Amino acid sequence: MFVLIVYDTEASNCVALHKYLKKYLNWNQNSVFEGSVTRAQYVKIKDILEEKRADKSHIVLYSMENEKLMNREELGEAQGNTSNIL
């Protein structure tokens, strides 16, 4: 499944969320991660995000069964780095 995760949290919580999410997904830009994961990985990611998120944070998870059903366009220069993903 293809997943897009966007979060808004306090600065002290950003590092923890970023470190965890980059284990599974590509960092696209500040507080935005995307990539393909298994259903089991998706469930694990949701559980850990619920556990690690700060009280007043907001996390949105978008998922779709097939990445081919999505249209993605970019404007401007990307900030993320996908070189650490196998």
PDB file of N, CA and C in Angstrom:
ATOM      1  N   MET A   1       0.835  -1.173   0.000  1.00  0.00           N
ATOM      2  CA  MET A   1       0.000   0.000   0.000  1.00  0.00           C
ATOM      3  C   MET A   1       0.885   1.242   0.000  1.00  0.00           C
ATOM      4  N   PHE A   2       0.380   2.320  -0.583  1.00  0.00           N
ATOM      5  CA  PHE A   2       1.125   3.575  -0.617  1.00  0.00           C
ATOM      6  C   PHE A   2       0.597   4.480   0.489  1.00  0.00           C
ATOM      7  N   VAL A   3       1.517   5.114   1.222  1.00  0.00           N
ATOM      8  CA  VAL A   3       1.158   5.917   2.386  1.00  0.00           C
ATOM      9  C   VAL A   3       1.781   7.305   2.271  1.00  0.00           C
ATOM     10  N   LEU A   4       1.013   8.301   2.662  1.00  0.00           N
ATOM     11  CA  LEU A   4       1.485   9.678   2.781  1.00  0.00           C
ATOM     12  C   LEU A   4       1.152  10.122   4.193  1.00  0.00           C
ATOM     13  N   ILE A   5       2.169  10.555   4.942  1.00  0.00           N
ATOM     14  CA  ILE A   5       1.964  10.980   6.327  1.00  0.00           C
ATOM     15  C   ILE A   5       2.433  12.419   6.472  1.00  0.00           C
ATOM     16  N   VAL A   6       1.564  13.236   7.041  1.00  0.00           N
ATOM     17  CA  VAL A   6       1.830  14.656   7.260  1.00  0.00           C
ATOM     18  C   VAL A   6       1.591  14.938   8.734  1.00  0.00           C
ATOM     19  N   TYR A   7       2.527  15.640   9.365  1.00  0.00           N
ATOM     20  CA  TYR A   7       2.314  15.922  10.779  1.00  0.00           C
ATOM     21  C   TYR A   7       2.666  17.364  11.128  1.00  0.00           C
ATOM     22  N   ASP A   8       2.012  17.845  12.175  1.00  0.00           N
ATOM     23  CA  ASP A   8       2.254  19.170  12.734  1.00  0.00           C
ATOM     24  C   ASP A   8       2.386  18.958  14.236  1.00  0.00           C
ATOM     25  N   THR A   9       3.574  19.220  14.768  1.00  0.00           N
ATOM     26  CA  THR A   9       3.815  18.958  16.174  1.00  0.00           C
ATOM     27  C   THR A   9       4.808  19.972  16.720  1.00  0.00           C
ATOM     28  N   GLU A  10       4.969  19.982  18.016  1.00  0.00           N
ATOM     29  CA  GLU A  10       5.937  20.898  18.623  1.00  0.00           C
ATOM     30  C   GLU A  10       7.354  20.496  18.220  1.00  0.00           C
ATOM     31  N   ALA A  11       8.245  21.461  18.202  1.00  0.00           N
ATOM     32  CA  ALA A  11       9.613  21.255  17.707  1.00  0.00           C
ATOM     33  C   ALA A  11      10.329  20.099  18.406  1.00  0.00           C
ATOM     34  N   SER A  12      10.141  19.950  19.688  1.00  0.00           N
ATOM     35  CA  SER A  12      10.836  18.898  20.422  1.00  0.00           C
ATOM     36  C   SER A  12      10.378  17.502  20.008  1.00  0.00           C
ATOM     37  N   ASN A  13       9.192  17.384  19.450  1.00  0.00           N
ATOM     38  CA  ASN A  13       8.649  16.094  19.018  1.00  0.00           C
ATOM     39  C   ASN A  13       8.989  15.775  17.565  1.00  0.00           C
ATOM     40  N   CYS A  14       9.352  16.785  16.783  1.00  0.00           N
ATOM     41  CA  CYS A  14       9.650  16.592  15.361  1.00  0.00           C
ATOM     42  C   CYS A  14      10.792  15.605  15.140  1.00  0.00           C
ATOM     43  N   VAL A  15      11.837  15.704  15.920  1.00  0.00           N
ATOM     44  CA  VAL A  15      13.011  14.840  15.745  1.00  0.00           C
ATOM     45  C   VAL A  15      12.641  13.377  15.942  1.00  0.00           C
ATOM     46  N   ALA A  16      11.879  13.079  16.981  1.00  0.00           N
ATOM     47  CA  ALA A  16      11.485  11.696  17.256  1.00  0.00           C
ATOM     48  C   ALA A  16      10.630  11.125  16.127  1.00  0.00           C
ATOM     49  N   LEU A  17       9.656  11.895  15.656  1.00  0.00           N
ATOM     50  CA  LEU A  17       8.799  11.430  14.572  1.00  0.00           C
ATOM     51  C   LEU A  17       9.599  11.254  13.283  1.00  0.00           C
ATOM     52  N   HIS A  18      10.466  12.210  12.998  1.00  0.00           N
ATOM     53  CA  HIS A  18      11.286  12.154  11.779  1.00  0.00           C
ATOM     54  C   HIS A  18      12.177  10.909  11.785  1.00  0.00           C
ATOM     55  N   LYS A  19      12.872  10.657  12.879  1.00  0.00           N
ATOM     56  CA  LYS A  19      13.762   9.495  12.973  1.00  0.00           C
ATOM     57  C   LYS A  19      12.998   8.197  12.775  1.00  0.00           C
ATOM     58  N   TYR A  20      11.837   8.094  13.357  1.00  0.00           N
ATOM     59  CA  TYR A  20      11.061   6.865  13.240  1.00  0.00           C
ATOM     60  C   TYR A  20      10.541   6.671  11.813  1.00  0.00           C
ATOM     61  N   LEU A  21       9.930   7.701  11.247  1.00  0.00           N
ATOM     62  CA  LEU A  21       9.303   7.571   9.933  1.00  0.00           C
ATOM     63  C   LEU A  21      10.310   7.297   8.819  1.00  0.00           C
ATOM     64  N   LYS A  22      11.515   7.844   8.932  1.00  0.00           N
ATOM     65  CA  LYS A  22      12.483   7.627   7.848  1.00  0.00           C
ATOM     66  C   LYS A  22      12.994   6.186   7.812  1.00  0.00           C
ATOM     67  N   LYS A  23      12.678   5.376   8.809  1.00  0.00           N
ATOM     68  CA  LYS A  23      13.005   3.953   8.763  1.00  0.00           C
ATOM     69  C   LYS A  23      12.137   3.224   7.739  1.00  0.00           C
ATOM     70  N   TYR A  24      10.943   3.743   7.491  1.00  0.00           N
ATOM     71  CA  TYR A  24       9.974   3.066   6.626  1.00  0.00           C
ATOM     72  C   TYR A  24       9.635   3.822   5.348  1.00  0.00           C
ATOM     73  N   LEU A  25       9.729   5.149   5.393  1.00  0.00           N
ATOM     74  CA  LEU A  25       9.221   5.969   4.298  1.00  0.00           C
ATOM     75  C   LEU A  25      10.271   6.953   3.801  1.00  0.00           C
ATOM     76  N   ASN A  26      10.016   7.531   2.640  1.00  0.00           N
ATOM     77  CA  ASN A  26      10.881   8.571   2.089  1.00  0.00           C
ATOM     78  C   ASN A  26      10.493   9.909   2.688  1.00  0.00           C
ATOM     79  N   TRP A  27      11.496  10.658   3.126  1.00  0.00           N
ATOM     80  CA  TRP A  27      11.250  12.015   3.616  1.00  0.00           C
ATOM     81  C   TRP A  27      11.087  12.902   2.401  1.00  0.00           C
ATOM     82  N   ASN A  28       9.936  13.517   2.252  1.00  0.00           N
ATOM     83  CA  ASN A  28       9.628  14.321   1.084  1.00  0.00           C
ATOM     84  C   ASN A  28       9.973  15.778   1.314  1.00  0.00           C
ATOM     85  N   GLN A  29       9.530  16.327   2.411  1.00  0.00           N
ATOM     86  CA  GLN A  29       9.855  17.684   2.820  1.00  0.00           C
ATOM     87  C   GLN A  29       9.517  17.796   4.288  1.00  0.00           C
ATOM     88  N   ASN A  30       9.707  18.962   4.875  1.00  0.00           N
ATOM     89  CA  ASN A  30       9.476  19.113   6.309  1.00  0.00           C
ATOM     90  C   ASN A  30       8.136  18.515   6.713  1.00  0.00           C
ATOM     91  N   SER A  31       8.169  17.566   7.616  1.00  0.00           N
ATOM     92  CA  SER A  31       6.980  16.932   8.197  1.00  0.00           C
ATOM     93  C   SER A  31       6.106  16.192   7.191  1.00  0.00           C
ATOM     94  N   VAL A  32       6.685  15.733   6.084  1.00  0.00           N
ATOM     95  CA  VAL A  32       5.948  14.971   5.076  1.00  0.00           C
ATOM     96  C   VAL A  32       6.765  13.751   4.678  1.00  0.00           C
ATOM     97  N   PHE A  33       6.141  12.567   4.791  1.00  0.00           N
ATOM     98  CA  PHE A  33       6.771  11.308   4.421  1.00  0.00           C
ATOM     99  C   PHE A  33       5.843  10.533   3.515  1.00  0.00           C
ATOM    100  N   GLU A  34       6.435   9.764   2.573  1.00  0.00           N
ATOM    101  CA  GLU A  34       5.618   8.961   1.672  1.00  0.00           C
ATOM    102  C   GLU A  34       6.373   7.703   1.273  1.00  0.00           C
ATOM    103  N   GLY A  35       5.631   6.697   0.842  1.00  0.00           N
ATOM    104  CA  GLY A  35       6.253   5.484   0.340  1.00  0.00           C
ATOM    105  C   GLY A  35       5.333   4.292   0.440  1.00  0.00           C
ATOM    106  N   SER A  36       5.844   3.162  -0.040  1.00  0.00           N
ATOM    107  CA  SER A  36       5.087   1.915  -0.028  1.00  0.00           C
ATOM    108  C   SER A  36       5.484   1.083   1.183  1.00  0.00           C
ATOM    109  N   VAL A  37       4.495   0.552   1.866  1.00  0.00           N
ATOM    110  CA  VAL A  37       4.708  -0.309   3.035  1.00  0.00           C
ATOM    111  C   VAL A  37       3.713  -1.464   2.977  1.00  0.00           C
ATOM    112  N   THR A  38       3.979  -2.494   3.737  1.00  0.00           N
ATOM    113  CA  THR A  38       3.019  -3.588   3.863  1.00  0.00           C
ATOM    114  C   THR A  38       1.915  -3.154   4.825  1.00  0.00           C
ATOM    115  N   ARG A  39       0.826  -3.899   4.825  1.00  0.00           N
ATOM    116  CA  ARG A  39      -0.268  -3.581   5.751  1.00  0.00           C
ATOM    117  C   ARG A  39       0.207  -3.699   7.203  1.00  0.00           C
ATOM    118  N   ALA A  40       1.035  -4.709   7.493  1.00  0.00           N
ATOM    119  CA  ALA A  40       1.562  -4.890   8.851  1.00  0.00           C
ATOM    120  C   ALA A  40       2.449  -3.708   9.257  1.00  0.00           C
ATOM    121  N   GLN A  41       3.276  -3.223   8.332  1.00  0.00           N
ATOM    122  CA  GLN A  41       4.113  -2.052   8.622  1.00  0.00           C
ATOM    123  C   GLN A  41       3.245  -0.821   8.873  1.00  0.00           C
ATOM    124  N   TYR A  42       2.180  -0.677   8.102  1.00  0.00           N
ATOM    125  CA  TYR A  42       1.277   0.464   8.272  1.00  0.00           C
ATOM    126  C   TYR A  42       0.657   0.466   9.669  1.00  0.00           C
ATOM    127  N   VAL A  43       0.207  -0.694  10.104  1.00  0.00           N
ATOM    128  CA  VAL A  43      -0.376  -0.809  11.443  1.00  0.00           C
ATOM    129  C   VAL A  43       0.669  -0.477  12.503  1.00  0.00           C
ATOM    130  N   LYS A  44       1.886  -0.965  12.331  1.00  0.00           N
ATOM    131  CA  LYS A  44       2.971  -0.686  13.275  1.00  0.00           C
ATOM    132  C   LYS A  44       3.294   0.808  13.302  1.00  0.00           C
ATOM    133  N   ILE A  45       3.362   1.434  12.138  1.00  0.00           N
ATOM    134  CA  ILE A  45       3.635   2.873  12.052  1.00  0.00           C
ATOM    135  C   ILE A  45       2.560   3.656  12.793  1.00  0.00           C
ATOM    136  N   LYS A  46       1.290   3.333  12.570  1.00  0.00           N
ATOM    137  CA  LYS A  46       0.199   4.033  13.254  1.00  0.00           C
ATOM    138  C   LYS A  46       0.296   3.877  14.765  1.00  0.00           C
ATOM    139  N   ASP A  47       0.594   2.666  15.226  1.00  0.00           N
ATOM    140  CA  ASP A  47       0.705   2.427  16.666  1.00  0.00           C
ATOM    141  C   ASP A  47       1.843   3.235  17.278  1.00  0.00           C
ATOM    142  N   ILE A  48       2.999   3.240  16.630  1.00  0.00           N
ATOM    143  CA  ILE A  48       4.151   3.982  17.151  1.00  0.00           C
ATOM    144  C   ILE A  48       3.897   5.484  17.103  1.00  0.00           C
ATOM    145  N   LEU A  49       3.268   5.976  16.034  1.00  0.00           N
ATOM    146  CA  LEU A  49       2.965   7.409  15.960  1.00  0.00           C
ATOM    147  C   LEU A  49       2.024   7.828  17.085  1.00  0.00           C
ATOM    148  N   GLU A  50       1.050   6.996  17.368  1.00  0.00           N
ATOM    149  CA  GLU A  50       0.129   7.303  18.474  1.00  0.00           C
ATOM    150  C   GLU A  50       0.887   7.341  19.798  1.00  0.00           C
ATOM    151  N   GLU A  51       1.830   6.457  19.956  1.00  0.00           N
ATOM    152  CA  GLU A  51       2.626   6.380  21.181  1.00  0.00           C
ATOM    153  C   GLU A  51       3.619   7.544  21.308  1.00  0.00           C
ATOM    154  N   LYS A  52       4.259   7.945  20.194  1.00  0.00           N
ATOM    155  CA  LYS A  52       5.320   8.947  20.223  1.00  0.00           C
ATOM    156  C   LYS A  52       4.844  10.386  20.044  1.00  0.00           C
ATOM    157  N   ARG A  53       3.624  10.578  19.596  1.00  0.00           N
ATOM    158  CA  ARG A  53       3.189  11.945  19.290  1.00  0.00           C
ATOM    159  C   ARG A  53       2.988  12.769  20.562  1.00  0.00           C
ATOM    160  N   ALA A  54       3.252  14.053  20.439  1.00  0.00           N
ATOM    161  CA  ALA A  54       3.026  14.989  21.543  1.00  0.00           C
ATOM    162  C   ALA A  54       1.518  15.216  21.697  1.00  0.00           C
ATOM    163  N   ASP A  55       1.106  15.663  22.869  1.00  0.00           N
ATOM    164  CA  ASP A  55      -0.322  15.828  23.164  1.00  0.00           C
ATOM    165  C   ASP A  55      -1.066  16.701  22.164  1.00  0.00           C
ATOM    166  N   LYS A  56      -0.478  17.808  21.764  1.00  0.00           N
ATOM    167  CA  LYS A  56      -1.185  18.744  20.896  1.00  0.00           C
ATOM    168  C   LYS A  56      -0.771  18.616  19.433  1.00  0.00           C
ATOM    169  N   SER A  57      -0.188  17.488  19.062  1.00  0.00           N
ATOM    170  CA  SER A  57       0.221  17.292  17.673  1.00  0.00           C
ATOM    171  C   SER A  57      -0.957  16.815  16.832  1.00  0.00           C
ATOM    172  N   HIS A  58      -0.805  16.973  15.533  1.00  0.00           N
ATOM    173  CA  HIS A  58      -1.828  16.544  14.589  1.00  0.00           C
ATOM    174  C   HIS A  58      -1.120  15.763  13.485  1.00  0.00           C
ATOM    175  N   ILE A  59      -1.547  14.517  13.266  1.00  0.00           N
ATOM    176  CA  ILE A  59      -0.935  13.656  12.259  1.00  0.00           C
ATOM    177  C   ILE A  59      -2.034  13.173  11.326  1.00  0.00           C
ATOM    178  N   VAL A  60      -1.791  13.301  10.019  1.00  0.00           N
ATOM    179  CA  VAL A  60      -2.746  12.830   9.023  1.00  0.00           C
ATOM    180  C   VAL A  60      -2.074  11.734   8.206  1.00  0.00           C
ATOM    181  N   LEU A  61      -2.738  10.591   8.093  1.00  0.00           N
ATOM    182  CA  LEU A  61      -2.235   9.469   7.318  1.00  0.00           C
ATOM    183  C   LEU A  61      -3.165   9.237   6.129  1.00  0.00           C
ATOM    184  N   TYR A  62      -2.615   9.303   4.930  1.00  0.00           N
ATOM    185  CA  TYR A  62      -3.357   8.997   3.717  1.00  0.00           C
ATOM    186  C   TYR A  62      -2.838   7.653   3.225  1.00  0.00           C
ATOM    187  N   SER A  63      -3.730   6.778   2.827  1.00  0.00           N
ATOM    188  CA  SER A  63      -3.281   5.487   2.301  1.00  0.00           C
ATOM    189  C   SER A  63      -4.136   5.097   1.109  1.00  0.00           C
ATOM    190  N   MET A  64      -3.514   4.372   0.199  1.00  0.00           N
ATOM    191  CA  MET A  64      -4.224   3.833  -0.957  1.00  0.00           C
ATOM    192  C   MET A  64      -3.613   2.494  -1.318  1.00  0.00           C
ATOM    193  N   GLU A  65      -4.432   1.622  -1.797  1.00  0.00           N
ATOM    194  CA  GLU A  65      -3.979   0.271  -2.105  1.00  0.00           C
ATOM    195  C   GLU A  65      -2.962   0.244  -3.232  1.00  0.00           C
ATOM    196  N   ASN A  66      -3.077   1.155  -4.180  1.00  0.00           N
ATOM    197  CA  ASN A  66      -2.228   1.107  -5.353  1.00  0.00           C
ATOM    198  C   ASN A  66      -1.712   2.504  -5.691  1.00  0.00           C
ATOM    199  N   GLU A  67      -0.408   2.656  -5.725  1.00  0.00           N
ATOM    200  CA  GLU A  67       0.210   3.952  -6.023  1.00  0.00           C
ATOM    201  C   GLU A  67      -0.133   4.434  -7.426  1.00  0.00           C
ATOM    202  N   LYS A  68      -0.443   3.512  -8.324  1.00  0.00           N
ATOM    203  CA  LYS A  68      -0.754   3.873  -9.710  1.00  0.00           C
ATOM    204  C   LYS A  68      -2.061   4.652  -9.829  1.00  0.00           C
ATOM    205  N   LEU A  69      -2.899   4.604  -8.804  1.00  0.00           N
ATOM    206  CA  LEU A  69      -4.164   5.327  -8.830  1.00  0.00           C
ATOM    207  C   LEU A  69      -4.004   6.787  -8.427  1.00  0.00           C
ATOM    208  N   MET A  70      -2.799   7.158  -8.049  1.00  0.00           N
ATOM    209  CA  MET A  70      -2.546   8.508  -7.561  1.00  0.00           C
ATOM    210  C   MET A  70      -1.791   9.315  -8.618  1.00  0.00           C
ATOM    211  N   ASN A  71      -2.138  10.575  -8.745  1.00  0.00           N
ATOM    212  CA  ASN A  71      -1.394  11.489  -9.601  1.00  0.00           C
ATOM    213  C   ASN A  71      -0.551  12.378  -8.696  1.00  0.00           C
ATOM    214  N   ARG A  72       0.749  12.449  -8.951  1.00  0.00           N
ATOM    215  CA  ARG A  72       1.648  13.254  -8.111  1.00  0.00           C
ATOM    216  C   ARG A  72       2.440  14.193  -8.996  1.00  0.00           C
ATOM    217  N   GLU A  73       2.425  15.464  -8.656  1.00  0.00           N
ATOM    218  CA  GLU A  73       3.190  16.474  -9.378  1.00  0.00           C
ATOM    219  C   GLU A  73       4.003  17.279  -8.385  1.00  0.00           C
ATOM    220  N   GLU A  74       5.141  17.767  -8.816  1.00  0.00           N
ATOM    221  CA  GLU A  74       5.992  18.591  -7.956  1.00  0.00           C
ATOM    222  C   GLU A  74       6.277  19.917  -8.637  1.00  0.00           C
ATOM    223  N   LEU A  75       6.269  20.967  -7.842  1.00  0.00           N
ATOM    224  CA  LEU A  75       6.667  22.298  -8.286  1.00  0.00           C
ATOM    225  C   LEU A  75       7.780  22.760  -7.370  1.00  0.00           C
ATOM    226  N   GLY A  76       8.860  23.257  -7.903  1.00  0.00           N
ATOM    227  CA  GLY A  76       9.975  23.704  -7.074  1.00  0.00           C
ATOM    228  C   GLY A  76      10.952  22.584  -6.777  1.00  0.00           C
ATOM    229  N   GLU A  77      11.947  22.907  -5.987  1.00  0.00           N
ATOM    230  CA  GLU A  77      13.037  21.976  -5.668  1.00  0.00           C
ATOM    231  C   GLU A  77      12.716  21.168  -4.417  1.00  0.00           C
ATOM    232  N   ALA A  78      12.880  19.863  -4.502  1.00  0.00           N
ATOM    233  CA  ALA A  78      12.604  18.985  -3.369  1.00  0.00           C
ATOM    234  C   ALA A  78      13.653  19.150  -2.287  1.00  0.00           C
ATOM    235  N   GLN A  79      13.246  19.002  -1.002  1.00  0.00           N
ATOM    236  CA  GLN A  79      14.165  19.107   0.125  1.00  0.00           C
ATOM    237  C   GLN A  79      14.539  17.755   0.683  1.00  0.00           C
ATOM    238  N   GLY A  80      13.683  16.775   0.527  1.00  0.00           N
ATOM    239  CA  GLY A  80      13.912  15.458   1.112  1.00  0.00           C
ATOM    240  C   GLY A  80      15.019  14.698   0.424  1.00  0.00           C
ATOM    241  N   ASN A  81      15.406  13.575   1.046  1.00  0.00           N
ATOM    242  CA  ASN A  81      16.463  12.740   0.513  1.00  0.00           C
ATOM    243  C   ASN A  81      15.979  11.302   0.517  1.00  0.00           C
ATOM    244  N   THR A  82      15.930  10.686  -0.647  1.00  0.00           N
ATOM    245  CA  THR A  82      15.464   9.303  -0.742  1.00  0.00           C
ATOM    246  C   THR A  82      16.625   8.317  -0.874  1.00  0.00           C
ATOM    247  N   SER A  83      17.843   8.774  -0.765  1.00  0.00           N
ATOM    248  CA  SER A  83      18.992   7.899  -0.987  1.00  0.00           C
ATOM    249  C   SER A  83      19.162   6.831   0.098  1.00  0.00           C
ATOM    250  N   ASN A  84      18.554   7.014   1.268  1.00  0.00           N
ATOM    251  CA  ASN A  84      18.705   6.035   2.329  1.00  0.00           C
ATOM    252  C   ASN A  84      17.670   4.906   2.269  1.00  0.00           C
ATOM    253  N   ILE A  85      16.779   4.955   1.287  1.00  0.00           N
ATOM    254  CA  ILE A  85      15.751   3.933   1.140  1.00  0.00           C
ATOM    255  C   ILE A  85      16.224   2.907   0.127  1.00  0.00           C
ATOM    256  N   LEU A  86      16.117   1.636   0.478  1.00  0.00           N
ATOM    257  CA  LEU A  86      16.536   0.573  -0.449  1.00  0.00           C
ATOM    258  C   LEU A  86      15.469   0.268  -1.452  1.00  0.00           C
TER     259      LEU A  86
END
